[in-house]
Amino acid sequence: MKQTSMMKKELAATDATPLYAGVKQIILDRIHSGEWPPKHRVPSENELVAELGVSKMTANRALRELANEGELIRVQGVGSFVAERKGVSALFEVRNIADEITDRGHAHEASVVVMTREAASPDVADALGLHIGEDVFHSLIVHREEGVPVQIEDRYVRPGAAPDYLAQDFSIKTPNAYLSAVAPLSGSEHTVEATMPQAWECRLLMMLKTEPCLVIRRRTWSGRDVVSLARLIYPGHRYKLENRNGTSVPL
């Protein structure tokens, strides 16, 4: 009750016009003062409506803009949380995402969505140097940092390069770590594009359909043989990529 009364007084005292800017400022003041630390759950749209007497449209715009500015993380079906400093991933360096997350002092988790042998599509066959319809290994894995999804790893592997791929437990060891051991990296190529996520990607990454993401398509070699083709999908407001000279590439 005291918190609600204080927030109402702050909103009444603000000179911000339009009203959503005043709601944003109230939230920012608490974030920047440290009262609401990283991972703190901020009031929902309905709670802001009840506490401040604003419209749902006003509350929605305030939260949406704060998420777009990187101050909040909105997890669909869960709520809005104060954002931490964005995670960083190497752009043109083939690093293990588990190592990147651990290096930041955070916990890495992974869940396997797909692990199967299937017929190579024309595009996959061409990328891996196989015939169309030839067997290929396919894995789809969601990587999490402190419980929050930060990457979908959609990977195809040439069976001859890693015959035991499907027997691995990738909730414990990442495909990167396994493939580095059985087929040491000798080269890689990358393409990067900004996209809007598909519905199933939104569900796995717990993000809104209106949030952009960045996709890295990475092909790797061991010796002269192509080993794998990976599509790595990052939610734009939770991650940034970094190139070799250390320059950040925000998503």
C-alpha atoms as a PDB file:
ATOM      1  CA  MET A   1       0.000   0.000   0.000  1.00  0.00           C
ATOM      2  CA  LYS A   2       2.854   2.390   0.875  1.00  0.00           C
ATOM      3  CA  GLN A   3       4.605   1.552  -2.407  1.00  0.00           C
ATOM      4  CA  THR A   4       1.411   2.222  -4.375  1.00  0.00           C
ATOM      5  CA  SER A   5       0.834   5.556  -2.672  1.00  0.00           C
ATOM      6  CA  MET A   6       4.417   6.646  -3.317  1.00  0.00           C
ATOM      7  CA  MET A   7       4.267   5.715  -7.001  1.00  0.00           C
ATOM      8  CA  LYS A   8       0.993   7.636  -7.444  1.00  0.00           C
ATOM      9  CA  LYS A   9       2.543  10.738  -5.863  1.00  0.00           C
ATOM     10  CA  GLU A  10       5.582  10.437  -8.130  1.00  0.00           C
ATOM     11  CA  LEU A  11       3.412  10.150 -11.218  1.00  0.00           C
ATOM     12  CA  ALA A  12       1.331  13.149 -10.149  1.00  0.00           C
ATOM     13  CA  ALA A  13       4.499  15.184  -9.589  1.00  0.00           C
ATOM     14  CA  THR A  14       6.169  14.334 -12.900  1.00  0.00           C
ATOM     15  CA  ASP A  15       6.082  16.859 -15.711  1.00  0.00           C
ATOM     16  CA  ALA A  16       6.364  14.115 -18.318  1.00  0.00           C
ATOM     17  CA  THR A  17       3.990  14.342 -21.245  1.00  0.00           C
ATOM     18  CA  PRO A  18       2.579  12.037 -22.509  1.00  0.00           C
ATOM     19  CA  LEU A  19       1.635   9.981 -19.461  1.00  0.00           C
ATOM     20  CA  TYR A  20       3.482   6.807 -20.499  1.00  0.00           C
ATOM     21  CA  ALA A  21       6.769   8.741 -20.236  1.00  0.00           C
ATOM     22  CA  GLY A  22       6.027   9.434 -16.585  1.00  0.00           C
ATOM     23  CA  VAL A  23       5.400   5.734 -15.947  1.00  0.00           C
ATOM     24  CA  LYS A  24       8.695   4.916 -17.662  1.00  0.00           C
ATOM     25  CA  GLN A  25      10.540   7.447 -15.510  1.00  0.00           C
ATOM     26  CA  ILE A  26       9.129   6.010 -12.284  1.00  0.00           C
ATOM     27  CA  ILE A  27      10.369   2.546 -13.267  1.00  0.00           C
ATOM     28  CA  LEU A  28      13.754   3.877 -14.427  1.00  0.00           C
ATOM     29  CA  ASP A  29      14.254   5.768 -11.167  1.00  0.00           C
ATOM     30  CA  ARG A  30      13.865   2.546  -9.211  1.00  0.00           C
ATOM     31  CA  ILE A  31      16.183   0.640 -11.536  1.00  0.00           C
ATOM     32  CA  HIS A  32      18.938   3.257 -11.559  1.00  0.00           C
ATOM     33  CA  SER A  33      18.759   3.778  -7.794  1.00  0.00           C
ATOM     34  CA  GLY A  34      19.243   0.056  -7.228  1.00  0.00           C
ATOM     35  CA  GLU A  35      15.892  -0.335  -5.490  1.00  0.00           C
ATOM     36  CA  TRP A  36      14.932  -2.749  -8.285  1.00  0.00           C
ATOM     37  CA  PRO A  37      18.087  -4.792  -9.025  1.00  0.00           C
ATOM     38  CA  PRO A  38      18.686  -7.040 -12.063  1.00  0.00           C
ATOM     39  CA  LYS A  39      16.130  -9.887 -12.313  1.00  0.00           C
ATOM     40  CA  HIS A  40      13.667  -7.998 -10.085  1.00  0.00           C
ATOM     41  CA  ARG A  41      10.116  -8.482 -11.334  1.00  0.00           C
ATOM     42  CA  VAL A  42       8.502  -5.138 -12.112  1.00  0.00           C
ATOM     43  CA  PRO A  43       4.758  -4.572 -11.863  1.00  0.00           C
ATOM     44  CA  SER A  44       2.717  -6.020 -14.715  1.00  0.00           C
ATOM     45  CA  GLU A  45       0.478  -3.976 -17.006  1.00  0.00           C
ATOM     46  CA  ASN A  46      -2.543  -4.805 -14.858  1.00  0.00           C
ATOM     47  CA  GLU A  47      -0.669  -3.947 -11.656  1.00  0.00           C
ATOM     48  CA  LEU A  48       0.445  -0.590 -13.065  1.00  0.00           C
ATOM     49  CA  VAL A  49      -3.127   0.140 -14.083  1.00  0.00           C
ATOM     50  CA  ALA A  50      -4.357  -0.640 -10.570  1.00  0.00           C
ATOM     51  CA  GLU A  51      -1.522   1.140  -8.751  1.00  0.00           C
ATOM     52  CA  LEU A  52      -1.215   4.278 -10.868  1.00  0.00           C
ATOM     53  CA  GLY A  53      -4.698   4.676 -12.301  1.00  0.00           C
ATOM     54  CA  VAL A  54      -3.388   4.788 -15.887  1.00  0.00           C
ATOM     55  CA  SER A  55      -4.866   3.020 -18.897  1.00  0.00           C
ATOM     56  CA  LYS A  56      -3.672  -0.406 -19.991  1.00  0.00           C
ATOM     57  CA  MET A  57      -2.431   1.139 -23.235  1.00  0.00           C
ATOM     58  CA  THR A  58      -0.254   3.575 -21.258  1.00  0.00           C
ATOM     59  CA  ALA A  59       1.177   0.809 -19.069  1.00  0.00           C
ATOM     60  CA  ASN A  60       1.809  -1.421 -22.085  1.00  0.00           C
ATOM     61  CA  ARG A  61       3.680   1.293 -23.975  1.00  0.00           C
ATOM     62  CA  ALA A  62       5.853   2.139 -20.970  1.00  0.00           C
ATOM     63  CA  LEU A  63       6.890  -1.486 -20.463  1.00  0.00           C
ATOM     64  CA  ARG A  64       7.315  -2.115 -24.188  1.00  0.00           C
ATOM     65  CA  GLU A  65       9.585   0.881 -24.685  1.00  0.00           C
ATOM     66  CA  LEU A  66      11.689   0.013 -21.635  1.00  0.00           C
ATOM     67  CA  ALA A  67      12.152  -3.484 -23.082  1.00  0.00           C
ATOM     68  CA  ASN A  68      13.108  -2.028 -26.475  1.00  0.00           C
ATOM     69  CA  GLU A  69      15.670   0.193 -24.744  1.00  0.00           C
ATOM     70  CA  GLY A  70      17.212  -2.809 -22.962  1.00  0.00           C
ATOM     71  CA  GLU A  71      16.122  -1.816 -19.454  1.00  0.00           C
ATOM     72  CA  LEU A  72      13.651  -4.708 -19.057  1.00  0.00           C
ATOM     73  CA  ILE A  73      13.346  -8.280 -20.227  1.00  0.00           C
ATOM     74  CA  ARG A  74       9.789  -9.350 -20.999  1.00  0.00           C
ATOM     75  CA  VAL A  75       9.283 -13.104 -20.763  1.00  0.00           C
ATOM     76  CA  GLN A  76       6.010 -14.134 -22.352  1.00  0.00           C
ATOM     77  CA  GLY A  77       3.601 -15.619 -19.836  1.00  0.00           C
ATOM     78  CA  VAL A  78       5.925 -14.853 -16.902  1.00  0.00           C
ATOM     79  CA  GLY A  79       6.379 -11.088 -16.592  1.00  0.00           C
ATOM     80  CA  SER A  80       8.824  -8.205 -16.977  1.00  0.00           C
ATOM     81  CA  PHE A  81      12.166  -8.179 -15.184  1.00  0.00           C
ATOM     82  CA  VAL A  82      14.997  -5.688 -14.732  1.00  0.00           C
ATOM     83  CA  ALA A  83      17.631  -6.547 -17.324  1.00  0.00           C
ATOM     84  CA  GLU A  84      21.183  -7.488 -16.511  1.00  0.00           C
ATOM     85  CA  ARG A  85      24.073  -6.364 -18.670  1.00  0.00           C
ATOM     86  CA  LYS A  86      23.565  -8.200 -21.953  1.00  0.00           C
ATOM     87  CA  GLY A  87      25.322 -11.484 -22.446  1.00  0.00           C
ATOM     88  CA  VAL A  88      28.059 -11.421 -25.065  1.00  0.00           C
ATOM     89  CA  SER A  89      28.724 -14.067 -27.696  1.00  0.00           C
ATOM     90  CA  ALA A  90      31.649 -14.256 -30.102  1.00  0.00           C
ATOM     91  CA  LEU A  91      30.522 -13.416 -33.620  1.00  0.00           C
ATOM     92  CA  PHE A  92      33.231 -15.012 -35.794  1.00  0.00           C
ATOM     93  CA  GLU A  93      34.862 -17.201 -33.162  1.00  0.00           C
ATOM     94  CA  VAL A  94      33.467 -20.713 -32.707  1.00  0.00           C
ATOM     95  CA  ARG A  95      33.120 -20.750 -28.924  1.00  0.00           C
ATOM     96  CA  ASN A  96      31.169 -23.023 -26.633  1.00  0.00           C
ATOM     97  CA  ILE A  97      28.134 -21.098 -25.379  1.00  0.00           C
ATOM     98  CA  ALA A  98      28.347 -22.970 -22.071  1.00  0.00           C
ATOM     99  CA  ASP A  99      31.864 -21.561 -21.584  1.00  0.00           C
ATOM    100  CA  GLU A 100      30.729 -18.039 -22.462  1.00  0.00           C
ATOM    101  CA  ILE A 101      27.957 -18.195 -19.874  1.00  0.00           C
ATOM    102  CA  THR A 102      30.180 -19.784 -17.219  1.00  0.00           C
ATOM    103  CA  ASP A 103      32.851 -17.141 -17.811  1.00  0.00           C
ATOM    104  CA  ARG A 104      30.280 -14.524 -16.836  1.00  0.00           C
ATOM    105  CA  GLY A 105      29.745 -16.339 -13.540  1.00  0.00           C
ATOM    106  CA  HIS A 106      26.298 -17.572 -14.552  1.00  0.00           C
ATOM    107  CA  ALA A 107      24.733 -21.010 -14.765  1.00  0.00           C
ATOM    108  CA  HIS A 108      24.252 -22.674 -18.155  1.00  0.00           C
ATOM    109  CA  GLU A 109      21.415 -25.113 -18.806  1.00  0.00           C
ATOM    110  CA  ALA A 110      20.354 -26.853 -22.003  1.00  0.00           C
ATOM    111  CA  SER A 111      17.282 -28.800 -23.043  1.00  0.00           C
ATOM    112  CA  VAL A 112      17.123 -31.055 -26.097  1.00  0.00           C
ATOM    113  CA  VAL A 113      14.005 -30.513 -28.219  1.00  0.00           C
ATOM    114  CA  VAL A 114      14.936 -32.655 -31.246  1.00  0.00           C
ATOM    115  CA  MET A 115      17.565 -35.398 -31.633  1.00  0.00           C
ATOM    116  CA  THR A 116      17.054 -37.475 -34.749  1.00  0.00           C
ATOM    117  CA  ARG A 117      18.347 -38.992 -37.975  1.00  0.00           C
ATOM    118  CA  GLU A 118      16.560 -37.717 -41.059  1.00  0.00           C
ATOM    119  CA  ALA A 119      16.828 -37.349 -44.818  1.00  0.00           C
ATOM    120  CA  ALA A 120      18.867 -34.350 -45.899  1.00  0.00           C
ATOM    121  CA  SER A 121      16.880 -31.611 -47.625  1.00  0.00           C
ATOM    122  CA  PRO A 122      18.420 -30.115 -50.783  1.00  0.00           C
ATOM    123  CA  ASP A 123      19.806 -27.099 -48.891  1.00  0.00           C
ATOM    124  CA  VAL A 124      21.255 -29.176 -46.038  1.00  0.00           C
ATOM    125  CA  ALA A 125      22.691 -31.758 -48.419  1.00  0.00           C
ATOM    126  CA  ASP A 126      24.380 -29.043 -50.465  1.00  0.00           C
ATOM    127  CA  ALA A 127      25.858 -27.392 -47.348  1.00  0.00           C
ATOM    128  CA  LEU A 128      27.209 -30.660 -45.932  1.00  0.00           C
ATOM    129  CA  GLY A 129      28.432 -32.186 -49.188  1.00  0.00           C
ATOM    130  CA  LEU A 130      25.840 -34.981 -49.163  1.00  0.00           C
ATOM    131  CA  HIS A 131      23.351 -36.305 -51.695  1.00  0.00           C
ATOM    132  CA  ILE A 132      19.744 -35.156 -51.346  1.00  0.00           C
ATOM    133  CA  GLY A 133      17.886 -37.602 -49.099  1.00  0.00           C
ATOM    134  CA  GLU A 134      21.075 -39.026 -47.605  1.00  0.00           C
ATOM    135  CA  ASP A 135      21.074 -39.541 -43.816  1.00  0.00           C
ATOM    136  CA  VAL A 136      21.930 -36.540 -41.656  1.00  0.00           C
ATOM    137  CA  PHE A 137      21.873 -36.023 -37.875  1.00  0.00           C
ATOM    138  CA  HIS A 138      19.644 -33.193 -36.623  1.00  0.00           C
ATOM    139  CA  SER A 139      19.584 -31.653 -33.143  1.00  0.00           C
ATOM    140  CA  LEU A 140      17.554 -28.728 -31.800  1.00  0.00           C
ATOM    141  CA  ILE A 141      18.651 -27.414 -28.410  1.00  0.00           C
ATOM    142  CA  VAL A 142      17.644 -24.445 -26.237  1.00  0.00           C
ATOM    143  CA  HIS A 143      20.452 -22.907 -24.184  1.00  0.00           C
ATOM    144  CA  ARG A 144      19.611 -20.938 -21.028  1.00  0.00           C
ATOM    145  CA  GLU A 145      21.525 -18.479 -18.878  1.00  0.00           C
ATOM    146  CA  GLU A 146      20.345 -18.351 -15.272  1.00  0.00           C
ATOM    147  CA  GLY A 147      17.177 -20.074 -16.428  1.00  0.00           C
ATOM    148  CA  VAL A 148      16.396 -17.564 -19.218  1.00  0.00           C
ATOM    149  CA  PRO A 149      16.524 -18.822 -22.839  1.00  0.00           C
ATOM    150  CA  VAL A 150      19.301 -17.068 -24.786  1.00  0.00           C
ATOM    151  CA  GLN A 151      19.906 -19.265 -27.831  1.00  0.00           C
ATOM    152  CA  ILE A 152      18.258 -21.861 -30.050  1.00  0.00           C
ATOM    153  CA  GLU A 153      20.867 -24.120 -31.649  1.00  0.00           C
ATOM    154  CA  ASP A 154      19.455 -25.819 -34.746  1.00  0.00           C
ATOM    155  CA  ARG A 155      22.249 -28.068 -36.037  1.00  0.00           C
ATOM    156  CA  TYR A 156      22.751 -30.627 -38.823  1.00  0.00           C
ATOM    157  CA  VAL A 157      25.786 -32.931 -38.659  1.00  0.00           C
ATOM    158  CA  ARG A 158      27.313 -35.123 -41.356  1.00  0.00           C
ATOM    159  CA  PRO A 159      27.190 -38.666 -39.901  1.00  0.00           C
ATOM    160  CA  GLY A 160      30.613 -39.629 -41.233  1.00  0.00           C
ATOM    161  CA  ALA A 161      32.220 -36.826 -39.230  1.00  0.00           C
ATOM    162  CA  ALA A 162      30.650 -37.775 -35.876  1.00  0.00           C
ATOM    163  CA  PRO A 163      29.087 -41.282 -36.019  1.00  0.00           C
ATOM    164  CA  ASP A 164      28.072 -41.300 -32.328  1.00  0.00           C
ATOM    165  CA  TYR A 165      26.456 -37.857 -32.342  1.00  0.00           C
ATOM    166  CA  LEU A 166      22.942 -39.088 -31.576  1.00  0.00           C
ATOM    167  CA  ALA A 167      24.159 -41.099 -28.580  1.00  0.00           C
ATOM    168  CA  GLN A 168      25.327 -37.988 -26.707  1.00  0.00           C
ATOM    169  CA  ASP A 169      23.516 -36.286 -23.830  1.00  0.00           C
ATOM    170  CA  PHE A 170      23.548 -32.660 -24.936  1.00  0.00           C
ATOM    171  CA  SER A 171      21.815 -31.501 -21.777  1.00  0.00           C
ATOM    172  CA  ILE A 172      25.200 -32.135 -20.123  1.00  0.00           C
ATOM    173  CA  LYS A 173      27.747 -31.562 -22.898  1.00  0.00           C
ATOM    174  CA  THR A 174      27.181 -29.117 -25.758  1.00  0.00           C
ATOM    175  CA  PRO A 175      27.457 -30.174 -29.412  1.00  0.00           C
ATOM    176  CA  ASN A 176      30.320 -27.683 -29.727  1.00  0.00           C
ATOM    177  CA  ALA A 177      32.324 -29.458 -27.018  1.00  0.00           C
ATOM    178  CA  TYR A 178      31.614 -32.917 -28.447  1.00  0.00           C
ATOM    179  CA  LEU A 179      32.377 -32.033 -32.061  1.00  0.00           C
ATOM    180  CA  SER A 180      35.558 -30.183 -31.073  1.00  0.00           C
ATOM    181  CA  ALA A 181      36.803 -33.418 -29.513  1.00  0.00           C
ATOM    182  CA  VAL A 182      35.871 -35.870 -32.281  1.00  0.00           C
ATOM    183  CA  ALA A 183      36.330 -33.606 -35.320  1.00  0.00           C
ATOM    184  CA  PRO A 184      38.726 -30.773 -34.414  1.00  0.00           C
ATOM    185  CA  LEU A 185      37.868 -27.493 -36.106  1.00  0.00           C
ATOM    186  CA  SER A 186      39.988 -26.425 -39.062  1.00  0.00           C
ATOM    187  CA  GLY A 187      37.761 -23.724 -40.549  1.00  0.00           C
ATOM    188  CA  SER A 188      34.377 -22.027 -40.466  1.00  0.00           C
ATOM    189  CA  GLU A 189      32.131 -19.637 -42.352  1.00  0.00           C
ATOM    190  CA  HIS A 190      29.371 -17.421 -41.038  1.00  0.00           C
ATOM    191  CA  THR A 191      26.424 -15.436 -42.313  1.00  0.00           C
ATOM    192  CA  VAL A 192      24.417 -13.089 -40.110  1.00  0.00           C
ATOM    193  CA  GLU A 193      20.927 -11.668 -40.585  1.00  0.00           C
ATOM    194  CA  ALA A 194      18.327  -9.856 -38.525  1.00  0.00           C
ATOM    195  CA  THR A 195      14.902 -11.510 -38.603  1.00  0.00           C
ATOM    196  CA  MET A 196      11.551 -11.575 -36.910  1.00  0.00           C
ATOM    197  CA  PRO A 197      11.102 -14.896 -35.095  1.00  0.00           C
ATOM    198  CA  GLN A 198       8.751 -17.658 -36.139  1.00  0.00           C
ATOM    199  CA  ALA A 199       5.998 -18.666 -33.713  1.00  0.00           C
ATOM    200  CA  TRP A 200       7.812 -21.807 -32.539  1.00  0.00           C
ATOM    201  CA  GLU A 201      11.000 -19.810 -31.956  1.00  0.00           C
ATOM    202  CA  CYS A 202       9.052 -17.337 -29.816  1.00  0.00           C
ATOM    203  CA  ARG A 203       7.731 -20.204 -27.705  1.00  0.00           C
ATOM    204  CA  LEU A 204      11.163 -21.753 -27.152  1.00  0.00           C
ATOM    205  CA  LEU A 205      12.853 -18.422 -26.397  1.00  0.00           C
ATOM    206  CA  MET A 206       9.885 -17.119 -24.347  1.00  0.00           C
ATOM    207  CA  MET A 207       9.814 -13.864 -26.312  1.00  0.00           C
ATOM    208  CA  LEU A 208       7.167 -11.706 -27.919  1.00  0.00           C
ATOM    209  CA  LYS A 209       6.399 -11.995 -31.621  1.00  0.00           C
ATOM    210  CA  THR A 210       7.270  -8.320 -32.034  1.00  0.00           C
ATOM    211  CA  GLU A 211      10.829  -8.716 -30.704  1.00  0.00           C
ATOM    212  CA  PRO A 212      13.606  -9.024 -33.300  1.00  0.00           C
ATOM    213  CA  CYS A 213      16.290 -11.664 -33.208  1.00  0.00           C
ATOM    214  CA  LEU A 214      19.627 -12.200 -34.917  1.00  0.00           C
ATOM    215  CA  VAL A 215      20.477 -15.433 -36.683  1.00  0.00           C
ATOM    216  CA  ILE A 216      23.988 -16.760 -37.311  1.00  0.00           C
ATOM    217  CA  ARG A 217      24.334 -19.532 -39.864  1.00  0.00           C
ATOM    218  CA  ARG A 218      27.631 -21.287 -39.246  1.00  0.00           C
ATOM    219  CA  ARG A 219      29.276 -24.045 -41.269  1.00  0.00           C
ATOM    220  CA  THR A 220      32.370 -25.781 -39.867  1.00  0.00           C
ATOM    221  CA  TRP A 221      35.104 -28.013 -41.267  1.00  0.00           C
ATOM    222  CA  SER A 222      37.526 -30.560 -39.884  1.00  0.00           C
ATOM    223  CA  GLY A 223      40.346 -31.004 -42.354  1.00  0.00           C
ATOM    224  CA  ARG A 224      38.733 -30.845 -45.805  1.00  0.00           C
ATOM    225  CA  ASP A 225      35.392 -32.256 -44.692  1.00  0.00           C
ATOM    226  CA  VAL A 226      32.328 -30.250 -43.693  1.00  0.00           C
ATOM    227  CA  VAL A 227      31.241 -31.343 -40.217  1.00  0.00           C
ATOM    228  CA  SER A 228      28.125 -29.368 -39.382  1.00  0.00           C
ATOM    229  CA  LEU A 229      25.687 -26.651 -40.370  1.00  0.00           C
ATOM    230  CA  ALA A 230      24.230 -24.699 -37.458  1.00  0.00           C
ATOM    231  CA  ARG A 231      21.557 -22.024 -37.244  1.00  0.00           C
ATOM    232  CA  LEU A 232      21.945 -20.061 -33.983  1.00  0.00           C
ATOM    233  CA  ILE A 233      19.009 -17.837 -33.003  1.00  0.00           C
ATOM    234  CA  TYR A 234      19.421 -15.135 -30.349  1.00  0.00           C
ATOM    235  CA  PRO A 235      16.678 -12.924 -28.820  1.00  0.00           C
ATOM    236  CA  GLY A 236      17.745  -9.357 -29.529  1.00  0.00           C
ATOM    237  CA  HIS A 237      16.995  -7.878 -26.111  1.00  0.00           C
ATOM    238  CA  ARG A 238      18.926 -10.467 -24.109  1.00  0.00           C
ATOM    239  CA  TYR A 239      22.142 -10.874 -26.035  1.00  0.00           C
ATOM    240  CA  LYS A 240      24.743  -9.074 -28.105  1.00  0.00           C
ATOM    241  CA  LEU A 241      27.427 -10.422 -30.378  1.00  0.00           C
ATOM    242  CA  GLU A 242      31.039  -9.328 -30.492  1.00  0.00           C
ATOM    243  CA  ASN A 243      33.482  -9.458 -33.371  1.00  0.00           C
ATOM    244  CA  ARG A 244      37.152 -10.353 -33.124  1.00  0.00           C
ATOM    245  CA  ASN A 245      38.408  -6.841 -32.385  1.00  0.00           C
ATOM    246  CA  GLY A 246      36.021  -6.579 -29.472  1.00  0.00           C
ATOM    247  CA  THR A 247      33.462  -4.306 -31.105  1.00  0.00           C
ATOM    248  CA  SER A 248      29.956  -5.041 -29.893  1.00  0.00           C
ATOM    249  CA  VAL A 249      27.212  -5.873 -32.365  1.00  0.00           C
ATOM    250  CA  PRO A 250      23.869  -5.314 -30.575  1.00  0.00           C
ATOM    251  CA  LEU A 251      21.003  -7.531 -31.662  1.00  0.00           C
END
